[in-house]
Amino acid sequence: MTDDLKDERVDHRFKGLPVDAEGLTVGALAAQRRNLFTGGFTTPVLALSAESVEHNLALLEAYSERHGLAFAPHGKTSMAPHLFDRQIAHGAWGITAAVPHQARVYRAFGVRRIFLANELVDAAALRWLARELADDPGFHFVCYVDSVRGVELMEEALDSTARPVDVVVELGAGDGARTGARTEADCAAVADAVAGARHLRLVGVAGYEGEVPDATPETVRAWLRRLTALAVDFDKAGRFPADLDEIVVSAGGSAWFDTVAEVFAELPTLSRPVLKLLRSGAYVSHDDGQYRNLTPFNRVPEEGALQPAFRLWAQVVSRPTPEQAFVNAGKRDAAYDLHLPEAQVVRSARDGSVRPAAGITVTRLSDQHAWLETTAEAAELEVGDWVGMGLSHPCTIFDKWQLIPLVEADGTVVDYIRTFF
C-alpha cells in the first residue's frame, strides 16, 4: 500500500531531516542508513525505536489471538500508512477511524476494512462512502449510529448507494459520557429505525469503555456486560438481518483491553459467529506517561509488556545558570496535553557518550523551547549536548511530525514513517 511513499522527495517540509538530503527520495535516504546523531539530522528530531515498534506489534497480535479477538487498531493515533501496513501484516482485521478524512486517507492507501468508531451524518462524506462501496465490492465499512435522527440523515444521503452501509448501535458509557444511546430502550429504538431504512444494515453493537465515568475495573466490567447483553438481546429479538454472516461486538481502547477480553470471553453462543473487535491504537508506539501508567499489562504482567518507542532529541542551546538550561524543542514538537516530556538521557556534544539524564527535569514548554531545571547531578550538562526525552500520549505526538525516522538501537535510521493528519 505504501510503496509510493518511498518516491516522495525530502525537502523543507520535513523538520529534523538532514539538509544535504534535500531532493533525495525517502527511499534513497532510507537506503543510506544514516546515523541519527552523526548523519546530518538537525534538532529537534523525533525518533521511533525500530525494535520497540516491532515488539509492540507482535505483542498485540499474540494477545488478540490468545483471547480470540479480532483487532482493528485505531489509526488516528499515528495516521501513518506504513504502520497500517505493518499492523495488518501482524494480523489486524482492519483499521479504525474517527472521522471521514481519516477514512479517505486509509482508502488512498488501500485499506480494505474500516471501522469508523463514530457517528457519520455528513452528507458529503456519506456520498463519498457510497461511491467507495459501489466501486469496490471488497471494501468493508462499519460505523456507529446512536440516534433515530442520525439514521434519517444517513438514509437521505445514501439514496444512491449500491449496497447498504453496515452500522453498529453505539451504547453510551453512562450519564455524562460522550456519544452513544444512553439506555437499552434508546438502543432498541435506533435499531428499529435501522431496520426500516433501505440503505443501512444493522450488524452489531459497539462502544468505548474508556468513557465510563470514574472508571474502575468493576464499573468498566459492568458497562461491558451491558454491551454484550445488548448484542444477545438484539439477536434473540431477531433484529439482525437474515443475510448477516457475523455479528459485530466492538470495544477496547488502550487502557482496558484486558477487561474487554475478559467480558467478551463470556459471550454466549449467538445465532451467528461473533466478531469480537478490539480497537486499541496507542500500543504501536506506547509512551512514557499516559499509557505507561494506564496500560492493562500493568494488571496482567504475565501477558507481556509494551515498550515506549518515542524519543525526542533536542539540543541544549542555553545554560544561563547552574540551575537552568534550555533545549530547542517545545510545544510545536512535543505532546504536552497530559504530561510534560521526561528527560531520559544526555548525549555529549564533545565525545558522543550517552549518560542518564540524572538531575534534569522539564518544568515548562514554550513554543520552541523546553525549560530544564537542573541540580548538581547535572553539572556536566552544557551547551551543545543532546537531551533525549520520553513523551506522553501518542495521539498528540505523531501529529506534530510529518516524516519520522525509524531508528535502531545503535542510531542507524532504517526507514521513515510518513503521517497524514
Protein backbone atom coordinates (compact mmCIF):
# COMPACT_ATOMS: atom_id res chain seq x y z
CA MET A 1 0.00 0.00 0.00
CA THR A 2 2.82 2.41 0.78
CA ASP A 3 5.42 1.86 -1.95
CA ASP A 4 4.61 5.26 -3.46
CA LEU A 5 5.75 6.98 -0.26
CA LYS A 6 9.31 5.88 -0.95
CA ASP A 7 9.29 8.10 -4.04
CA GLU A 8 8.39 11.27 -2.15
CA ARG A 9 11.12 13.91 -2.20
CA VAL A 10 12.77 15.08 1.00
CA ASP A 11 12.66 18.86 1.38
CA HIS A 12 11.94 21.75 3.75
CA ARG A 13 8.55 20.30 4.73
CA PHE A 14 10.12 17.68 6.95
CA LYS A 15 11.77 19.04 10.07
CA GLY A 16 14.81 17.42 11.59
CA LEU A 17 15.98 15.69 8.41
CA PRO A 18 19.49 16.26 7.01
CA VAL A 19 19.85 19.44 4.97
CA ASP A 20 22.05 17.64 2.45
CA ALA A 21 19.25 15.12 1.82
CA GLU A 22 17.23 17.78 0.00
CA GLY A 23 15.90 16.31 -3.25
CA LEU A 24 16.55 12.67 -2.38
CA THR A 25 13.60 10.33 -2.33
CA VAL A 26 12.59 8.95 1.04
CA GLY A 27 13.55 5.51 -0.20
CA ALA A 28 17.01 6.66 -1.26
CA LEU A 29 17.60 8.38 2.07
CA ALA A 30 16.50 5.28 3.98
CA ALA A 31 18.86 3.15 1.90
CA GLN A 32 21.78 5.30 3.10
CA ARG A 33 21.15 4.09 6.66
CA ARG A 34 22.46 7.29 8.18
CA ASN A 35 23.15 7.63 11.87
CA LEU A 36 20.70 9.84 13.74
CA PHE A 37 23.50 11.57 15.65
CA THR A 38 26.26 11.86 13.05
CA GLY A 39 24.35 11.75 9.77
CA GLY A 40 23.36 15.39 9.48
CA PHE A 41 20.00 15.33 11.28
CA THR A 42 19.12 18.64 12.90
CA THR A 43 17.49 19.22 16.25
CA PRO A 44 14.84 18.87 17.37
CA VAL A 45 14.21 15.49 15.81
CA LEU A 46 11.68 12.84 16.81
CA ALA A 47 12.73 9.21 16.53
CA LEU A 48 10.83 5.93 16.74
CA SER A 49 12.61 2.84 18.00
CA ALA A 50 12.51 0.17 15.31
CA GLU A 51 12.90 -2.61 17.86
CA SER A 52 10.16 -1.31 20.17
CA VAL A 53 7.66 -0.82 17.35
CA GLU A 54 8.21 -4.39 16.17
CA HIS A 55 7.93 -5.70 19.73
CA ASN A 56 4.64 -3.88 20.30
CA LEU A 57 3.15 -5.03 17.01
CA ALA A 58 3.97 -8.64 17.79
CA LEU A 59 2.73 -8.41 21.38
CA LEU A 60 -0.78 -7.18 20.50
CA GLU A 61 -1.01 -9.68 17.66
CA ALA A 62 -0.27 -12.50 20.09
CA TYR A 63 -2.57 -11.04 22.76
CA SER A 64 -5.50 -10.79 20.35
CA GLU A 65 -5.01 -14.32 19.08
CA ARG A 66 -4.72 -15.70 22.61
CA HIS A 67 -8.01 -14.11 23.64
CA GLY A 68 -9.99 -14.82 20.48
CA LEU A 69 -10.22 -11.15 19.50
CA ALA A 70 -10.19 -9.57 16.07
CA PHE A 71 -8.15 -6.38 16.03
CA ALA A 72 -8.80 -3.08 14.27
CA PRO A 73 -6.23 -0.70 15.81
CA HIS A 74 -7.25 2.93 15.88
CA GLY A 75 -5.38 4.65 13.06
CA LYS A 76 -5.99 8.16 14.39
CA THR A 77 -3.06 7.57 16.74
CA SER A 78 -0.42 7.61 14.01
CA MET A 79 -2.18 8.37 10.70
CA ALA A 80 0.77 6.53 9.21
CA PRO A 81 0.02 4.18 6.28
CA HIS A 82 3.39 2.48 6.72
CA LEU A 83 2.36 1.47 10.23
CA PHE A 84 -1.10 0.43 8.99
CA ASP A 85 0.64 -1.95 6.58
CA ARG A 86 2.62 -3.45 9.41
CA GLN A 87 -0.39 -3.71 11.71
CA ILE A 88 -2.32 -5.59 9.02
CA ALA A 89 0.71 -7.80 8.38
CA HIS A 90 0.60 -8.57 12.11
CA GLY A 91 -2.94 -9.87 11.83
CA ALA A 92 -5.13 -6.77 12.14
CA TRP A 93 -8.65 -7.27 10.76
CA GLY A 94 -8.68 -3.65 9.56
CA ILE A 95 -8.05 -0.12 10.80
CA THR A 96 -10.33 2.03 12.95
CA ALA A 97 -11.05 5.66 12.06
CA ALA A 98 -12.81 8.50 13.88
CA VAL A 99 -13.69 10.98 11.10
CA PRO A 100 -14.21 10.84 7.32
CA HIS A 101 -10.86 12.43 6.48
CA GLN A 102 -9.08 9.57 8.18
CA ALA A 103 -11.13 7.04 6.25
CA ARG A 104 -10.21 8.80 3.00
CA VAL A 105 -6.51 8.53 3.87
CA TYR A 106 -6.94 4.85 4.62
CA ARG A 107 -8.66 4.24 1.31
CA ALA A 108 -6.00 6.19 -0.58
CA PHE A 109 -3.50 3.65 0.72
CA GLY A 110 -5.65 0.61 0.06
CA VAL A 111 -7.11 -0.28 3.46
CA ARG A 112 -9.90 -2.77 2.74
CA ARG A 113 -11.66 -2.83 6.13
CA ILE A 114 -12.51 0.33 8.06
CA PHE A 115 -14.38 0.57 11.34
CA LEU A 116 -15.47 4.17 11.92
CA ALA A 117 -15.85 4.46 15.69
CA ASN A 118 -18.08 7.49 15.45
CA GLU A 119 -21.41 8.59 14.04
CA LEU A 120 -21.36 9.58 10.36
CA VAL A 121 -24.08 12.04 9.34
CA ASP A 122 -22.17 14.36 6.99
CA ALA A 123 -23.95 14.17 3.63
CA ALA A 124 -20.85 14.86 1.53
CA ALA A 125 -18.86 12.20 3.37
CA LEU A 126 -21.70 9.71 3.04
CA ARG A 127 -21.88 10.31 -0.71
CA TRP A 128 -18.13 9.65 -0.91
CA LEU A 129 -18.63 6.47 1.07
CA ALA A 130 -21.42 5.36 -1.26
CA ARG A 131 -19.07 5.74 -4.23
CA GLU A 132 -16.33 3.77 -2.48
CA LEU A 133 -18.74 0.94 -1.70
CA ALA A 134 -20.08 0.92 -5.26
CA ASP A 135 -16.63 0.95 -6.85
CA ASP A 136 -15.03 -1.72 -4.68
CA PRO A 137 -17.08 -4.81 -3.80
CA GLY A 138 -14.26 -5.92 -1.49
CA PHE A 139 -14.41 -2.78 0.67
CA HIS A 140 -15.87 -3.49 4.13
CA PHE A 141 -17.04 -0.49 6.17
CA VAL A 142 -18.81 -0.28 9.53
CA CYS A 143 -19.77 2.83 11.53
CA TYR A 144 -21.65 3.85 14.66
CA VAL A 145 -25.21 5.12 14.83
CA ASP A 146 -26.81 6.32 18.08
CA SER A 147 -29.99 8.23 17.16
CA VAL A 148 -33.10 7.95 15.03
CA ARG A 149 -32.29 11.34 13.54
CA GLY A 150 -28.85 10.05 12.57
CA VAL A 151 -30.48 7.16 10.74
CA GLU A 152 -32.72 9.61 8.87
CA LEU A 153 -29.75 11.74 7.79
CA MET A 154 -27.83 8.70 6.60
CA GLU A 155 -30.82 7.49 4.61
CA GLU A 156 -31.20 10.84 2.88
CA ALA A 157 -27.56 10.99 1.84
CA LEU A 158 -27.23 7.32 0.86
CA ASP A 159 -30.17 7.25 -1.54
CA SER A 160 -28.00 6.19 -4.47
CA THR A 161 -25.67 3.76 -2.74
CA ALA A 162 -25.11 0.45 -4.49
CA ARG A 163 -25.16 -1.57 -1.27
CA PRO A 164 -26.19 -0.84 2.30
CA VAL A 165 -23.85 0.68 4.86
CA ASP A 166 -23.20 -1.58 7.82
CA VAL A 167 -23.85 0.09 11.18
CA VAL A 168 -23.50 -0.82 14.83
CA VAL A 169 -25.63 0.75 17.54
CA GLU A 170 -23.41 2.65 19.97
CA LEU A 171 -24.20 2.19 23.65
CA GLY A 172 -23.16 5.25 25.66
CA ALA A 173 -20.80 4.65 28.54
CA GLY A 174 -23.03 6.37 31.09
CA ASP A 175 -24.52 9.69 32.10
CA GLY A 176 -22.13 12.49 31.31
CA ALA A 177 -20.08 10.31 28.97
CA ARG A 178 -19.50 11.03 25.31
CA THR A 179 -21.61 9.81 22.37
CA GLY A 180 -23.89 6.77 22.33
CA ALA A 181 -27.52 5.98 23.09
CA ARG A 182 -27.93 6.16 26.86
CA THR A 183 -30.35 3.33 27.56
CA GLU A 184 -31.16 -0.09 26.17
CA ALA A 185 -34.57 1.26 25.15
CA ASP A 186 -32.86 4.05 23.21
CA CYS A 187 -30.63 1.48 21.51
CA ALA A 188 -33.66 -0.60 20.54
CA ALA A 189 -35.34 2.47 19.02
CA VAL A 190 -32.24 3.14 16.94
CA ALA A 191 -32.10 -0.50 15.84
CA ASP A 192 -35.76 -0.31 14.79
CA ALA A 193 -35.01 2.80 12.74
CA VAL A 194 -32.16 0.99 11.01
CA ALA A 195 -34.47 -1.94 10.26
CA GLY A 196 -36.81 0.45 8.49
CA ALA A 197 -34.03 2.04 6.45
CA ARG A 198 -33.37 0.95 2.88
CA HIS A 199 -29.66 1.78 2.79
CA LEU A 200 -28.44 0.67 6.21
CA ARG A 201 -27.84 -2.76 7.70
CA LEU A 202 -27.58 -3.47 11.43
CA VAL A 203 -24.52 -5.68 12.06
CA GLY A 204 -23.89 -5.35 15.79
CA VAL A 205 -23.25 -3.17 18.81
CA ALA A 206 -20.27 -1.16 19.99
CA GLY A 207 -19.00 1.47 22.38
CA TYR A 208 -15.97 2.83 24.18
CA GLU A 209 -15.35 1.76 27.75
CA GLY A 210 -12.74 4.47 28.22
CA GLU A 211 -15.60 6.93 28.69
CA VAL A 212 -17.11 5.13 31.68
CA PRO A 213 -17.32 7.86 34.36
CA ASP A 214 -14.81 7.38 37.20
CA ALA A 215 -13.74 4.12 35.62
CA THR A 216 -12.71 1.20 37.78
CA PRO A 217 -12.37 -2.46 36.80
CA GLU A 218 -15.81 -3.06 38.33
CA THR A 219 -17.61 -0.20 36.55
CA VAL A 220 -15.93 -0.94 33.23
CA ARG A 221 -16.80 -4.61 33.55
CA ALA A 222 -20.41 -3.74 34.34
CA TRP A 223 -20.72 -1.49 31.29
CA LEU A 224 -19.12 -4.09 29.01
CA ARG A 225 -21.66 -6.64 30.25
CA ARG A 226 -24.44 -4.23 29.30
CA LEU A 227 -22.90 -4.05 25.83
CA THR A 228 -22.67 -7.81 25.37
CA ALA A 229 -26.18 -8.27 26.80
CA LEU A 230 -27.42 -5.80 24.19
CA ALA A 231 -25.98 -7.98 21.44
CA VAL A 232 -27.65 -11.04 22.97
CA ASP A 233 -30.99 -9.25 23.24
CA PHE A 234 -30.84 -7.96 19.67
CA ASP A 235 -30.09 -11.46 18.45
CA LYS A 236 -32.95 -13.05 20.41
CA ALA A 237 -35.34 -10.41 19.11
CA GLY A 238 -34.33 -11.14 15.52
CA ARG A 239 -33.04 -7.62 14.93
CA PHE A 240 -30.10 -8.72 12.79
CA PRO A 241 -30.93 -9.24 9.10
CA ALA A 242 -31.10 -12.71 7.62
CA ASP A 243 -28.19 -12.10 5.23
CA LEU A 244 -25.75 -11.22 8.03
CA ASP A 245 -22.84 -13.67 8.30
CA GLU A 246 -21.43 -12.46 11.63
CA ILE A 247 -22.44 -10.19 14.49
CA VAL A 248 -20.02 -7.43 15.45
CA VAL A 249 -19.38 -6.62 19.11
CA SER A 250 -16.70 -3.96 19.49
CA ALA A 251 -14.99 -2.02 22.27
CA GLY A 252 -11.48 -1.57 23.55
CA GLY A 253 -9.25 1.45 23.87
CA SER A 254 -5.70 1.23 25.16
CA ALA A 255 -6.47 1.32 28.90
CA TRP A 256 -8.96 -1.52 29.44
CA PHE A 257 -8.43 -4.15 26.77
CA ASP A 258 -7.82 -6.81 29.43
CA THR A 259 -11.31 -6.24 30.81
CA VAL A 260 -12.72 -6.23 27.27
CA ALA A 261 -11.07 -9.60 26.63
CA GLU A 262 -12.47 -10.95 29.91
CA VAL A 263 -16.07 -9.88 29.28
CA PHE A 264 -16.09 -10.71 25.58
CA ALA A 265 -15.00 -14.24 26.51
CA GLU A 266 -18.27 -14.57 28.46
CA LEU A 267 -20.44 -14.03 25.38
CA PRO A 268 -22.82 -16.97 24.88
CA THR A 269 -23.28 -18.63 21.51
CA LEU A 270 -25.43 -16.47 19.24
CA SER A 271 -27.28 -17.30 16.05
CA ARG A 272 -24.23 -16.38 14.01
CA PRO A 273 -20.48 -16.18 14.71
CA VAL A 274 -19.41 -13.09 16.65
CA LEU A 275 -16.61 -10.77 15.51
CA LYS A 276 -15.18 -9.59 18.83
CA LEU A 277 -13.40 -6.47 17.65
CA LEU A 278 -10.76 -4.70 19.75
CA ARG A 279 -9.71 -1.18 18.71
CA SER A 280 -6.68 -0.16 20.81
CA GLY A 281 -4.34 2.20 18.94
CA ALA A 282 -1.73 3.69 21.28
CA TYR A 283 0.09 0.37 21.66
CA VAL A 284 2.09 0.73 18.45
CA SER A 285 4.37 3.37 19.97
CA HIS A 286 3.26 3.16 23.61
CA ASP A 287 4.67 6.10 25.63
CA ASP A 288 6.49 7.34 28.71
CA GLY A 289 3.49 8.79 30.53
CA GLN A 290 -0.23 8.30 29.97
CA TYR A 291 -0.16 4.73 28.69
CA ARG A 292 2.84 3.70 30.74
CA ASN A 293 0.55 4.40 33.69
CA LEU A 294 -2.70 3.04 32.21
CA THR A 295 -1.67 0.01 30.16
CA PRO A 296 -3.58 -3.16 31.09
CA PHE A 297 -0.27 -5.00 31.10
CA ASN A 298 0.36 -3.37 34.48
CA ARG A 299 -2.54 -5.51 35.75
CA VAL A 300 -1.60 -8.65 33.81
CA PRO A 301 2.23 -8.57 33.60
CA GLU A 302 2.28 -12.26 32.78
CA GLU A 303 0.81 -11.33 29.36
CA GLY A 304 3.81 -9.19 28.43
CA ALA A 305 4.81 -5.54 28.43
CA LEU A 306 4.75 -2.80 25.83
CA GLN A 307 7.86 -0.72 25.15
CA PRO A 308 7.89 3.08 24.70
CA ALA A 309 9.12 3.76 21.18
CA PHE A 310 9.32 7.56 21.02
CA ARG A 311 12.31 9.68 21.91
CA LEU A 312 12.52 13.37 21.14
CA TRP A 313 16.07 14.64 20.77
CA ALA A 314 16.73 18.32 21.38
CA GLN A 315 19.90 20.31 21.84
CA VAL A 316 20.93 22.47 24.77
CA VAL A 317 21.10 25.99 23.32
CA SER A 318 21.39 27.97 26.55
CA ARG A 319 22.75 27.29 30.05
CA PRO A 320 22.24 30.63 31.78
CA THR A 321 22.61 29.38 35.37
CA PRO A 322 23.71 26.19 37.14
CA GLU A 323 20.03 25.51 37.90
CA GLN A 324 18.64 26.10 34.43
CA ALA A 325 19.06 25.04 30.82
CA PHE A 326 17.04 25.37 27.63
CA VAL A 327 16.73 22.96 24.73
CA ASN A 328 15.33 23.79 21.31
CA ALA A 329 12.14 21.70 21.37
CA GLY A 330 8.81 22.98 22.60
CA LYS A 331 5.06 22.83 22.08
CA ARG A 332 5.47 22.57 18.31
CA ASP A 333 7.46 19.36 18.73
CA ALA A 334 6.32 17.56 21.89
CA ALA A 335 3.00 16.42 23.30
CA TYR A 336 2.09 18.38 26.41
CA ASP A 337 -1.67 17.96 26.83
CA LEU A 338 -1.35 15.28 29.53
CA HIS A 339 2.27 15.34 30.75
CA LEU A 340 5.44 17.27 30.05
CA PRO A 341 8.34 15.49 28.35
CA GLU A 342 10.61 13.39 30.55
CA ALA A 343 14.38 13.92 30.27
CA GLN A 344 15.92 10.46 30.00
CA VAL A 345 19.41 10.56 28.53
CA VAL A 346 22.09 13.07 27.56
CA ARG A 347 24.43 12.64 24.58
CA SER A 348 27.64 14.61 24.97
CA ALA A 349 28.48 17.07 22.21
CA ARG A 350 32.17 16.55 22.99
CA ASP A 351 32.59 12.79 22.59
CA GLY A 352 29.18 11.28 21.79
CA SER A 353 28.96 9.38 25.08
CA VAL A 354 25.49 8.80 26.47
CA ARG A 355 24.58 9.04 30.15
CA PRO A 356 21.34 9.09 32.16
CA ALA A 357 19.68 12.49 32.46
CA ALA A 358 20.06 12.50 36.25
CA GLY A 359 19.12 15.78 37.87
CA ILE A 360 17.31 17.14 34.80
CA THR A 361 13.58 17.90 34.85
CA VAL A 362 11.42 19.50 32.17
CA THR A 363 9.33 22.08 34.03
CA ARG A 364 7.71 24.07 31.22
CA LEU A 365 7.36 24.34 27.45
CA SER A 366 7.39 27.44 25.28
CA ASP A 367 6.60 27.24 21.58
CA GLN A 368 10.18 26.31 20.65
CA HIS A 369 11.93 25.75 23.97
CA ALA A 370 11.77 23.31 26.84
CA TRP A 371 12.71 24.74 30.23
CA LEU A 372 15.01 22.40 32.13
CA GLU A 373 15.57 22.55 35.87
CA THR A 374 18.99 21.13 36.74
CA THR A 375 20.52 20.03 40.03
CA ALA A 376 24.12 19.36 41.00
CA GLU A 377 23.80 15.90 39.43
CA ALA A 378 23.51 17.61 36.04
CA ALA A 379 26.54 19.85 36.44
CA GLU A 380 28.12 18.32 33.32
CA LEU A 381 25.24 19.43 31.09
CA GLU A 382 26.49 22.05 28.66
CA VAL A 383 25.52 23.93 25.55
CA GLY A 384 25.59 21.64 22.52
CA ASP A 385 24.63 18.42 24.34
CA TRP A 386 21.65 16.49 23.03
CA VAL A 387 18.91 15.60 25.52
CA GLY A 388 16.71 12.59 24.74
CA MET A 389 13.20 12.92 26.13
CA GLY A 390 10.38 10.46 26.58
CA LEU A 391 6.90 11.68 25.65
CA SER A 392 3.35 11.07 26.81
CA HIS A 393 0.18 10.49 24.73
CA PRO A 394 0.93 9.11 21.25
CA CYS A 395 -2.14 10.75 19.67
CA THR A 396 -0.63 14.21 20.18
CA ILE A 397 2.95 13.20 19.36
CA PHE A 398 2.57 11.76 15.86
CA ASP A 399 0.54 14.75 14.63
CA LYS A 400 3.44 17.17 15.11
CA TRP A 401 5.76 15.33 12.71
CA GLN A 402 5.24 14.52 9.03
CA LEU A 403 8.25 12.25 8.49
CA ILE A 404 9.67 10.37 11.47
CA PRO A 405 12.96 8.44 11.42
CA LEU A 406 12.68 4.79 12.45
CA VAL A 407 15.89 4.17 14.36
CA GLU A 408 17.68 1.05 15.52
CA ALA A 409 19.33 0.88 18.93
CA ASP A 410 22.76 1.86 17.57
CA GLY A 411 21.35 5.03 15.98
CA THR A 412 21.00 3.69 12.43
CA VAL A 413 17.96 5.13 10.65
CA VAL A 414 16.41 2.26 8.71
CA ASP A 415 13.19 3.85 7.47
CA TYR A 416 10.88 6.86 7.71
CA ILE A 417 7.27 6.98 8.89
CA ARG A 418 5.07 9.39 6.89
CA THR A 419 2.00 10.77 8.66
CA PHE A 420 -1.18 12.32 7.19
CA PHE A 421 -3.06 14.50 9.67
